[in-house]
Amino acid sequence: MTLTHQDQATRRVFGPVPSRRLGISLGLDIIPYKTCTLDCLYCECGRTTVLTLKRRRFFPPRLLLDELAGVLPAIPHLDFITFSGSGEPTLNSDLGWFIAEIKKAYAAPLAVLTNGTLLFNPEVRRELLGADIILPSLDAARQASFAAINQPCGGLDVESIISGLEAFRREYSGRIWLEEFILK
């Protein structure tokens, strides 16, 4: 099936895709294309077009569940349902609701790929508690390296990100796979 530009702009479920880390994973993209807290030099999606720290609702949340219900019956095997895609999923203020509703309706474990920048926010940490595995990133431990590699939104500093990761580890009993990107 070939998707039109309009279909691609409104689709929130993609895959399933084979993943080295997560096996067969069905992706959920709950953020508009390239809406992120960072503009990382290495991003596979290209330059960030909306650089923000503001969390909000990006679409009526029921749309994601309806699309998921239309796709899942056709998938014979699934290892994970994964919040990922073309932006930072913790920017969606409905993330906690999505996690709770999907966990009620489906047996597949839930993973969240995040750059970890909003883990300083207690509300974000609370919303992530229902996921089975969290895969945050940490590319730098010094502010100068963080600024050069990740080109953050104003107001973000590496110390608050590390503190957020530490606080989340204390609060979350699930699996955390910290991802690092190594470069010269």
N, C-alpha and C. Protein backbone atom coordinates (compact mmCIF):
# COMPACT_ATOMS: atom_id res chain seq x y z
N MET A 1 0.85 -1.18 0.00
CA MET A 1 0.00 0.00 0.00
C MET A 1 0.89 1.24 0.00
N THR A 2 0.61 2.17 -0.85
CA THR A 2 1.35 3.42 -0.91
C THR A 2 0.57 4.48 -0.15
N LEU A 3 1.27 5.16 0.75
CA LEU A 3 0.63 6.20 1.54
C LEU A 3 0.77 7.54 0.84
N THR A 4 -0.30 8.31 0.87
CA THR A 4 -0.22 9.67 0.36
C THR A 4 0.45 10.54 1.41
N HIS A 5 0.83 11.76 1.05
CA HIS A 5 1.42 12.69 2.01
C HIS A 5 0.47 12.90 3.18
N GLN A 6 -0.82 13.01 2.93
CA GLN A 6 -1.80 13.22 4.00
C GLN A 6 -1.84 12.02 4.93
N ASP A 7 -1.80 10.79 4.39
CA ASP A 7 -1.79 9.59 5.23
C ASP A 7 -0.57 9.59 6.14
N GLN A 8 0.59 9.91 5.58
CA GLN A 8 1.81 9.93 6.37
C GLN A 8 1.75 10.98 7.46
N ALA A 9 1.11 12.09 7.19
CA ALA A 9 1.03 13.17 8.17
C ALA A 9 0.10 12.82 9.32
N THR A 10 -0.85 11.93 9.10
CA THR A 10 -1.82 11.61 10.15
C THR A 10 -1.61 10.24 10.76
N ARG A 11 -0.75 9.41 10.21
CA ARG A 11 -0.48 8.09 10.79
C ARG A 11 0.37 8.22 12.03
N ARG A 12 -0.04 7.54 13.08
CA ARG A 12 0.70 7.57 14.33
C ARG A 12 1.30 6.22 14.67
N VAL A 13 0.86 5.17 13.97
CA VAL A 13 1.34 3.82 14.20
C VAL A 13 2.15 3.40 12.98
N PHE A 14 3.35 2.86 13.21
CA PHE A 14 4.16 2.43 12.07
C PHE A 14 4.84 1.10 12.38
N GLY A 15 5.15 0.37 11.33
CA GLY A 15 5.79 -0.93 11.48
C GLY A 15 4.78 -2.05 11.34
N PRO A 16 5.11 -3.20 11.90
CA PRO A 16 6.19 -3.45 12.84
C PRO A 16 7.55 -3.43 12.15
N VAL A 17 8.55 -3.10 12.96
CA VAL A 17 9.92 -3.04 12.46
C VAL A 17 10.80 -3.97 13.29
N PRO A 18 11.80 -4.60 12.65
CA PRO A 18 12.74 -5.40 13.44
C PRO A 18 13.73 -4.47 14.14
N SER A 19 13.95 -4.72 15.41
CA SER A 19 14.85 -3.89 16.21
C SER A 19 15.89 -4.77 16.88
N ARG A 20 17.15 -4.35 16.87
CA ARG A 20 18.20 -5.11 17.57
C ARG A 20 17.89 -5.19 19.05
N ARG A 21 17.36 -4.13 19.61
CA ARG A 21 17.13 -4.07 21.05
C ARG A 21 15.79 -4.67 21.46
N LEU A 22 14.77 -4.47 20.65
CA LEU A 22 13.40 -4.78 21.09
C LEU A 22 12.71 -5.87 20.27
N GLY A 23 13.42 -6.53 19.38
CA GLY A 23 12.78 -7.58 18.57
C GLY A 23 11.82 -6.97 17.56
N ILE A 24 10.64 -7.55 17.44
CA ILE A 24 9.61 -7.02 16.53
C ILE A 24 8.82 -5.97 17.29
N SER A 25 8.90 -4.73 16.81
CA SER A 25 8.35 -3.60 17.54
C SER A 25 7.39 -2.81 16.66
N LEU A 26 6.24 -2.49 17.22
CA LEU A 26 5.27 -1.63 16.54
C LEU A 26 5.46 -0.22 17.10
N GLY A 27 5.76 0.73 16.24
CA GLY A 27 6.06 2.09 16.67
C GLY A 27 4.84 2.97 16.81
N LEU A 28 4.88 3.83 17.81
CA LEU A 28 3.86 4.85 18.03
C LEU A 28 4.54 6.21 18.00
N ASP A 29 4.15 7.05 17.06
CA ASP A 29 4.73 8.38 16.91
C ASP A 29 3.68 9.39 17.36
N ILE A 30 3.85 9.91 18.57
CA ILE A 30 2.82 10.76 19.17
C ILE A 30 3.19 12.24 19.17
N ILE A 31 4.18 12.58 18.35
CA ILE A 31 4.68 13.95 18.26
C ILE A 31 4.73 14.36 16.79
N PRO A 32 4.38 15.58 16.46
CA PRO A 32 4.55 16.03 15.08
C PRO A 32 6.02 15.91 14.65
N TYR A 33 6.22 15.69 13.39
CA TYR A 33 7.54 15.47 12.83
C TYR A 33 8.54 16.53 13.30
N LYS A 34 9.66 16.05 13.87
CA LYS A 34 10.78 16.86 14.32
C LYS A 34 10.41 17.92 15.35
N THR A 35 9.53 17.53 16.29
CA THR A 35 9.25 18.35 17.46
C THR A 35 10.04 17.71 18.59
N CYS A 36 11.01 18.44 19.13
CA CYS A 36 11.94 17.83 20.07
C CYS A 36 12.51 18.87 21.01
N THR A 37 13.14 18.39 22.08
CA THR A 37 13.83 19.25 23.04
C THR A 37 15.28 19.46 22.63
N LEU A 38 15.73 18.66 21.65
CA LEU A 38 17.12 18.72 21.19
C LEU A 38 17.17 18.81 19.66
N ASP A 39 18.29 19.28 19.16
CA ASP A 39 18.56 19.28 17.72
C ASP A 39 19.91 18.58 17.52
N CYS A 40 19.93 17.28 17.80
CA CYS A 40 21.18 16.50 17.81
C CYS A 40 21.84 16.47 16.43
N LEU A 41 23.15 16.59 16.43
CA LEU A 41 23.91 16.56 15.19
C LEU A 41 23.71 15.26 14.42
N TYR A 42 23.50 14.17 15.11
CA TYR A 42 23.44 12.85 14.48
C TYR A 42 22.02 12.35 14.21
N CYS A 43 20.99 13.13 14.45
CA CYS A 43 19.62 12.65 14.35
C CYS A 43 19.32 12.10 12.96
N GLU A 44 18.81 10.87 12.94
CA GLU A 44 18.48 10.21 11.68
C GLU A 44 17.31 10.86 10.96
N CYS A 45 16.55 11.68 11.67
CA CYS A 45 15.39 12.35 11.06
C CYS A 45 15.73 13.74 10.51
N GLY A 46 16.97 14.20 10.72
CA GLY A 46 17.35 15.52 10.23
C GLY A 46 17.21 16.58 11.31
N ARG A 47 17.23 17.83 10.88
CA ARG A 47 17.19 18.97 11.80
C ARG A 47 15.84 19.10 12.47
N THR A 48 15.86 19.49 13.73
CA THR A 48 14.63 19.74 14.48
C THR A 48 14.00 21.03 13.96
N THR A 49 12.71 20.96 13.67
CA THR A 49 12.01 22.14 13.17
C THR A 49 11.24 22.86 14.27
N VAL A 50 10.84 22.12 15.33
CA VAL A 50 10.17 22.74 16.47
C VAL A 50 10.96 22.34 17.72
N LEU A 51 11.79 23.24 18.20
CA LEU A 51 12.62 23.03 19.37
C LEU A 51 11.88 23.60 20.57
N THR A 52 11.47 22.74 21.52
CA THR A 52 10.62 23.19 22.61
C THR A 52 10.78 22.34 23.85
N LEU A 53 10.42 22.90 24.99
CA LEU A 53 10.30 22.16 26.25
C LEU A 53 8.84 22.08 26.69
N LYS A 54 7.95 22.70 25.95
CA LYS A 54 6.54 22.78 26.34
C LYS A 54 5.80 21.50 25.98
N ARG A 55 5.26 20.85 26.99
CA ARG A 55 4.44 19.66 26.79
C ARG A 55 3.02 20.09 26.45
N ARG A 56 2.39 19.32 25.56
CA ARG A 56 1.00 19.63 25.23
C ARG A 56 0.36 18.45 24.51
N ARG A 57 -0.93 18.56 24.29
CA ARG A 57 -1.67 17.58 23.49
C ARG A 57 -1.50 17.97 22.03
N PHE A 58 -1.13 16.99 21.21
CA PHE A 58 -0.89 17.27 19.80
C PHE A 58 -2.03 16.81 18.90
N PHE A 59 -2.88 15.91 19.38
CA PHE A 59 -4.03 15.42 18.63
C PHE A 59 -4.98 14.77 19.62
N PRO A 60 -6.24 14.57 19.24
CA PRO A 60 -7.15 13.89 20.16
C PRO A 60 -6.62 12.49 20.48
N PRO A 61 -6.43 12.15 21.75
CA PRO A 61 -5.76 10.90 22.11
C PRO A 61 -6.46 9.64 21.63
N ARG A 62 -7.75 9.68 21.48
CA ARG A 62 -8.49 8.49 21.03
C ARG A 62 -8.05 8.06 19.62
N LEU A 63 -7.56 9.00 18.80
CA LEU A 63 -7.13 8.67 17.44
C LEU A 63 -6.03 7.62 17.44
N LEU A 64 -5.10 7.72 18.39
CA LEU A 64 -4.01 6.74 18.47
C LEU A 64 -4.57 5.35 18.79
N LEU A 65 -5.47 5.27 19.76
CA LEU A 65 -6.03 3.97 20.14
C LEU A 65 -6.84 3.37 19.01
N ASP A 66 -7.58 4.19 18.28
CA ASP A 66 -8.35 3.69 17.14
C ASP A 66 -7.43 3.16 16.05
N GLU A 67 -6.35 3.88 15.77
CA GLU A 67 -5.41 3.41 14.75
C GLU A 67 -4.72 2.13 15.19
N LEU A 68 -4.35 2.05 16.45
CA LEU A 68 -3.71 0.86 16.99
C LEU A 68 -4.65 -0.35 16.90
N ALA A 69 -5.90 -0.16 17.23
CA ALA A 69 -6.89 -1.24 17.15
C ALA A 69 -7.09 -1.71 15.71
N GLY A 70 -6.91 -0.83 14.75
CA GLY A 70 -7.05 -1.21 13.35
C GLY A 70 -5.84 -1.95 12.80
N VAL A 71 -4.69 -1.79 13.43
CA VAL A 71 -3.45 -2.39 12.94
C VAL A 71 -3.10 -3.70 13.65
N LEU A 72 -3.26 -3.75 14.95
CA LEU A 72 -2.79 -4.89 15.74
C LEU A 72 -3.34 -6.25 15.34
N PRO A 73 -4.61 -6.38 14.96
CA PRO A 73 -5.11 -7.71 14.61
C PRO A 73 -4.38 -8.36 13.43
N ALA A 74 -3.75 -7.58 12.59
CA ALA A 74 -3.06 -8.12 11.41
C ALA A 74 -1.60 -8.50 11.69
N ILE A 75 -1.14 -8.29 12.93
CA ILE A 75 0.26 -8.57 13.26
C ILE A 75 0.32 -9.88 14.05
N PRO A 76 0.93 -10.93 13.46
CA PRO A 76 0.93 -12.24 14.12
C PRO A 76 1.82 -12.33 15.36
N HIS A 77 2.92 -11.59 15.39
CA HIS A 77 3.84 -11.65 16.53
C HIS A 77 4.40 -10.25 16.79
N LEU A 78 4.43 -9.88 18.06
CA LEU A 78 4.91 -8.56 18.44
C LEU A 78 5.65 -8.69 19.77
N ASP A 79 6.89 -8.19 19.83
CA ASP A 79 7.65 -8.21 21.07
C ASP A 79 7.41 -6.97 21.92
N PHE A 80 7.21 -5.83 21.27
CA PHE A 80 6.99 -4.57 21.98
C PHE A 80 6.10 -3.64 21.17
N ILE A 81 5.36 -2.80 21.88
CA ILE A 81 4.75 -1.59 21.33
C ILE A 81 5.65 -0.48 21.87
N THR A 82 6.16 0.36 20.96
CA THR A 82 7.21 1.30 21.33
C THR A 82 6.85 2.74 20.98
N PHE A 83 6.87 3.59 21.99
CA PHE A 83 6.74 5.03 21.75
C PHE A 83 8.09 5.51 21.23
N SER A 84 8.11 5.96 20.00
CA SER A 84 9.34 6.42 19.36
C SER A 84 8.94 7.35 18.25
N GLY A 85 9.68 7.35 17.16
CA GLY A 85 9.27 8.12 16.00
C GLY A 85 10.17 9.28 15.69
N SER A 86 9.56 10.39 15.33
CA SER A 86 10.32 11.51 14.75
C SER A 86 10.43 12.71 15.68
N GLY A 87 10.28 12.49 16.97
CA GLY A 87 10.38 13.57 17.94
C GLY A 87 10.46 12.99 19.34
N GLU A 88 10.41 13.84 20.35
CA GLU A 88 10.53 13.41 21.75
C GLU A 88 9.15 13.09 22.32
N PRO A 89 8.84 11.80 22.57
CA PRO A 89 7.49 11.42 22.99
C PRO A 89 7.05 12.00 24.33
N THR A 90 7.99 12.33 25.23
CA THR A 90 7.57 12.88 26.52
C THR A 90 7.03 14.31 26.40
N LEU A 91 7.14 14.91 25.22
CA LEU A 91 6.52 16.22 25.01
C LEU A 91 5.00 16.12 24.90
N ASN A 92 4.48 14.93 24.61
CA ASN A 92 3.03 14.76 24.51
C ASN A 92 2.45 14.63 25.92
N SER A 93 1.61 15.56 26.31
CA SER A 93 1.05 15.56 27.66
C SER A 93 0.05 14.43 27.89
N ASP A 94 -0.30 13.69 26.86
CA ASP A 94 -1.19 12.53 27.00
C ASP A 94 -0.42 11.22 27.16
N LEU A 95 0.89 11.27 27.29
CA LEU A 95 1.70 10.06 27.33
C LEU A 95 1.24 9.09 28.42
N GLY A 96 1.02 9.57 29.61
CA GLY A 96 0.58 8.70 30.71
C GLY A 96 -0.75 8.03 30.42
N TRP A 97 -1.67 8.79 29.84
CA TRP A 97 -2.97 8.23 29.47
C TRP A 97 -2.80 7.15 28.41
N PHE A 98 -1.97 7.43 27.38
CA PHE A 98 -1.70 6.44 26.33
C PHE A 98 -1.16 5.15 26.94
N ILE A 99 -0.18 5.26 27.82
CA ILE A 99 0.43 4.08 28.42
C ILE A 99 -0.62 3.28 29.19
N ALA A 100 -1.41 3.94 30.01
CA ALA A 100 -2.43 3.25 30.81
C ALA A 100 -3.47 2.56 29.93
N GLU A 101 -3.95 3.24 28.92
CA GLU A 101 -5.00 2.68 28.05
C GLU A 101 -4.47 1.51 27.22
N ILE A 102 -3.26 1.62 26.71
CA ILE A 102 -2.69 0.54 25.90
C ILE A 102 -2.42 -0.68 26.79
N LYS A 103 -1.94 -0.46 28.00
CA LYS A 103 -1.68 -1.57 28.93
C LYS A 103 -2.99 -2.30 29.28
N LYS A 104 -4.09 -1.57 29.39
CA LYS A 104 -5.39 -2.20 29.68
C LYS A 104 -5.87 -3.06 28.52
N ALA A 105 -5.57 -2.64 27.30
CA ALA A 105 -6.16 -3.28 26.12
C ALA A 105 -5.28 -4.35 25.47
N TYR A 106 -3.97 -4.30 25.67
CA TYR A 106 -3.07 -5.19 24.92
C TYR A 106 -2.04 -5.84 25.84
N ALA A 107 -1.64 -7.05 25.48
CA ALA A 107 -0.68 -7.81 26.29
C ALA A 107 0.78 -7.47 25.97
N ALA A 108 1.05 -6.94 24.80
CA ALA A 108 2.44 -6.66 24.42
C ALA A 108 3.06 -5.65 25.38
N PRO A 109 4.32 -5.87 25.78
CA PRO A 109 4.98 -4.91 26.66
C PRO A 109 5.21 -3.57 25.95
N LEU A 110 5.27 -2.51 26.76
CA LEU A 110 5.45 -1.15 26.24
C LEU A 110 6.86 -0.64 26.51
N ALA A 111 7.48 -0.07 25.49
CA ALA A 111 8.79 0.56 25.61
C ALA A 111 8.65 2.04 25.24
N VAL A 112 9.49 2.86 25.84
CA VAL A 112 9.52 4.29 25.49
C VAL A 112 10.97 4.67 25.18
N LEU A 113 11.20 5.10 23.94
CA LEU A 113 12.49 5.67 23.55
C LEU A 113 12.41 7.17 23.82
N THR A 114 13.31 7.67 24.64
CA THR A 114 13.29 9.07 25.01
C THR A 114 14.71 9.62 25.08
N ASN A 115 14.86 10.89 24.83
CA ASN A 115 16.18 11.49 25.00
C ASN A 115 16.45 11.81 26.47
N GLY A 116 15.46 11.60 27.33
CA GLY A 116 15.63 11.77 28.77
C GLY A 116 15.66 13.19 29.27
N THR A 117 15.48 14.15 28.40
CA THR A 117 15.63 15.55 28.80
C THR A 117 14.53 16.05 29.74
N LEU A 118 13.37 15.43 29.72
CA LEU A 118 12.27 15.91 30.57
C LEU A 118 12.11 15.08 31.84
N LEU A 119 13.04 14.19 32.13
CA LEU A 119 12.94 13.37 33.34
C LEU A 119 13.15 14.18 34.62
N PHE A 120 13.58 15.42 34.51
CA PHE A 120 13.65 16.30 35.68
C PHE A 120 12.24 16.64 36.17
N ASN A 121 11.24 16.48 35.30
CA ASN A 121 9.86 16.83 35.59
C ASN A 121 9.16 15.64 36.30
N PRO A 122 8.73 15.82 37.56
CA PRO A 122 8.07 14.72 38.28
C PRO A 122 6.84 14.16 37.56
N GLU A 123 6.11 15.02 36.87
CA GLU A 123 4.93 14.55 36.13
C GLU A 123 5.33 13.58 35.01
N VAL A 124 6.37 13.90 34.27
CA VAL A 124 6.86 13.01 33.20
C VAL A 124 7.29 11.68 33.81
N ARG A 125 8.04 11.73 34.90
CA ARG A 125 8.48 10.48 35.54
C ARG A 125 7.29 9.64 35.97
N ARG A 126 6.27 10.26 36.56
CA ARG A 126 5.06 9.54 36.98
C ARG A 126 4.37 8.87 35.79
N GLU A 127 4.27 9.60 34.67
CA GLU A 127 3.58 9.06 33.49
C GLU A 127 4.31 7.85 32.92
N LEU A 128 5.62 7.80 33.07
CA LEU A 128 6.41 6.70 32.51
C LEU A 128 6.40 5.44 33.37
N LEU A 129 5.92 5.53 34.60
CA LEU A 129 5.96 4.39 35.51
C LEU A 129 5.22 3.17 34.99
N GLY A 130 4.22 3.33 34.15
CA GLY A 130 3.46 2.20 33.63
C GLY A 130 4.11 1.45 32.49
N ALA A 131 5.17 1.99 31.92
CA ALA A 131 5.85 1.34 30.79
C ALA A 131 6.72 0.19 31.31
N ASP A 132 6.97 -0.79 30.45
CA ASP A 132 7.76 -1.95 30.84
C ASP A 132 9.26 -1.71 30.73
N ILE A 133 9.66 -0.88 29.81
CA ILE A 133 11.08 -0.57 29.64
C ILE A 133 11.21 0.86 29.11
N ILE A 134 12.19 1.57 29.67
CA ILE A 134 12.46 2.94 29.24
C ILE A 134 13.88 2.95 28.68
N LEU A 135 14.05 3.56 27.51
CA LEU A 135 15.35 3.64 26.86
C LEU A 135 15.74 5.11 26.71
N PRO A 136 16.28 5.72 27.78
CA PRO A 136 16.70 7.12 27.69
C PRO A 136 18.10 7.22 27.09
N SER A 137 18.42 8.39 26.59
CA SER A 137 19.75 8.67 26.03
C SER A 137 20.52 9.58 26.96
N LEU A 138 21.81 9.45 26.93
CA LEU A 138 22.70 10.40 27.59
C LEU A 138 23.96 10.46 26.74
N ASP A 139 24.14 11.54 26.03
CA ASP A 139 25.26 11.65 25.09
C ASP A 139 26.46 12.38 25.67
N ALA A 140 26.27 13.12 26.74
CA ALA A 140 27.36 13.91 27.29
C ALA A 140 27.14 14.12 28.78
N ALA A 141 28.25 14.24 29.52
CA ALA A 141 28.16 14.50 30.96
C ALA A 141 28.69 15.89 31.31
N ARG A 142 29.15 16.62 30.31
CA ARG A 142 29.62 18.00 30.51
C ARG A 142 28.77 18.92 29.65
N GLN A 143 28.47 20.10 30.16
CA GLN A 143 27.58 21.04 29.46
C GLN A 143 28.12 21.43 28.09
N ALA A 144 29.42 21.66 27.97
CA ALA A 144 29.98 22.07 26.68
C ALA A 144 29.78 20.99 25.62
N SER A 145 30.01 19.74 25.98
CA SER A 145 29.81 18.63 25.03
C SER A 145 28.33 18.47 24.70
N PHE A 146 27.49 18.56 25.73
CA PHE A 146 26.03 18.45 25.54
C PHE A 146 25.55 19.52 24.56
N ALA A 147 25.99 20.75 24.76
CA ALA A 147 25.57 21.85 23.89
C ALA A 147 26.05 21.62 22.45
N ALA A 148 27.26 21.12 22.29
CA ALA A 148 27.82 20.93 20.95
C ALA A 148 27.16 19.76 20.22
N ILE A 149 26.91 18.67 20.90
CA ILE A 149 26.36 17.46 20.27
C ILE A 149 24.84 17.52 20.13
N ASN A 150 24.17 17.92 21.21
CA ASN A 150 22.72 17.83 21.26
C ASN A 150 21.99 19.13 20.96
N GLN A 151 22.67 20.25 20.96
CA GLN A 151 22.08 21.54 20.64
C GLN A 151 20.69 21.69 21.27
N PRO A 152 20.65 21.78 22.61
CA PRO A 152 19.38 21.76 23.35
C PRO A 152 18.57 23.04 23.21
N CYS A 153 17.30 22.86 23.52
CA CYS A 153 16.39 23.99 23.67
C CYS A 153 16.90 24.83 24.85
N GLY A 154 16.73 26.13 24.77
CA GLY A 154 17.13 27.00 25.87
C GLY A 154 16.49 26.56 27.17
N GLY A 155 17.27 26.60 28.24
CA GLY A 155 16.75 26.19 29.54
C GLY A 155 17.12 24.78 29.93
N LEU A 156 17.69 24.00 29.02
CA LEU A 156 18.11 22.63 29.35
C LEU A 156 19.59 22.62 29.68
N ASP A 157 19.94 21.91 30.76
CA ASP A 157 21.35 21.71 31.07
C ASP A 157 21.57 20.25 31.44
N VAL A 158 22.77 19.79 31.22
CA VAL A 158 23.08 18.37 31.40
C VAL A 158 22.94 17.93 32.86
N GLU A 159 23.21 18.82 33.80
CA GLU A 159 23.07 18.45 35.22
C GLU A 159 21.63 18.11 35.57
N SER A 160 20.65 18.87 35.05
CA SER A 160 19.25 18.56 35.35
C SER A 160 18.82 17.26 34.68
N ILE A 161 19.41 16.96 33.53
CA ILE A 161 19.10 15.70 32.84
C ILE A 161 19.63 14.52 33.65
N ILE A 162 20.86 14.62 34.11
CA ILE A 162 21.44 13.55 34.92
C ILE A 162 20.67 13.40 36.24
N SER A 163 20.31 14.50 36.87
CA SER A 163 19.51 14.44 38.10
C SER A 163 18.15 13.79 37.84
N GLY A 164 17.56 14.10 36.69
CA GLY A 164 16.28 13.48 36.32
C GLY A 164 16.40 11.99 36.11
N LEU A 165 17.48 11.56 35.47
CA LEU A 165 17.74 10.12 35.29
C LEU A 165 17.89 9.43 36.64
N GLU A 166 18.65 10.05 37.56
CA GLU A 166 18.84 9.47 38.89
C GLU A 166 17.52 9.39 39.65
N ALA A 167 16.71 10.44 39.60
CA ALA A 167 15.41 10.43 40.28
C ALA A 167 14.50 9.36 39.69
N PHE A 168 14.51 9.24 38.37
CA PHE A 168 13.67 8.23 37.73
C PHE A 168 14.09 6.83 38.15
N ARG A 169 15.38 6.57 38.23
CA ARG A 169 15.85 5.25 38.65
C ARG A 169 15.35 4.92 40.06
N ARG A 170 15.32 5.90 40.95
CA ARG A 170 14.83 5.67 42.31
C ARG A 170 13.33 5.36 42.33
N GLU A 171 12.57 5.94 41.40
CA GLU A 171 11.11 5.82 41.40
C GLU A 171 10.59 4.66 40.55
N TYR A 172 11.34 4.22 39.58
CA TYR A 172 10.88 3.25 38.58
C TYR A 172 11.53 1.90 38.83
N SER A 173 10.71 0.87 38.98
CA SER A 173 11.26 -0.46 39.26
C SER A 173 11.46 -1.30 38.00
N GLY A 174 11.08 -0.77 36.85
CA GLY A 174 11.22 -1.49 35.59
C GLY A 174 12.62 -1.40 35.03
N ARG A 175 12.76 -1.90 33.81
CA ARG A 175 14.07 -1.90 33.14
C ARG A 175 14.35 -0.55 32.51
N ILE A 176 15.57 -0.08 32.71
CA ILE A 176 16.07 1.12 32.06
C ILE A 176 17.32 0.71 31.29
N TRP A 177 17.30 0.97 29.99
CA TRP A 177 18.47 0.72 29.15
C TRP A 177 18.99 2.08 28.70
N LEU A 178 20.01 2.54 29.37
CA LEU A 178 20.59 3.84 29.04
C LEU A 178 21.36 3.72 27.73
N GLU A 179 20.99 4.56 26.77
CA GLU A 179 21.64 4.55 25.47
C GLU A 179 22.64 5.69 25.40
N GLU A 180 23.79 5.39 24.84
CA GLU A 180 24.82 6.39 24.65
C GLU A 180 25.24 6.41 23.19
N PHE A 181 25.58 7.58 22.72
CA PHE A 181 26.07 7.72 21.36
C PHE A 181 27.50 8.19 21.46
N ILE A 182 28.41 7.40 20.94
CA ILE A 182 29.83 7.70 21.07
C ILE A 182 30.34 8.27 19.75
N LEU A 183 31.01 9.41 19.83
CA LEU A 183 31.60 10.02 18.64
C LEU A 183 32.87 10.76 19.03
N LYS A 184 33.68 11.07 18.03
CA LYS A 184 34.92 11.81 18.28
C LYS A 184 34.62 13.22 18.73
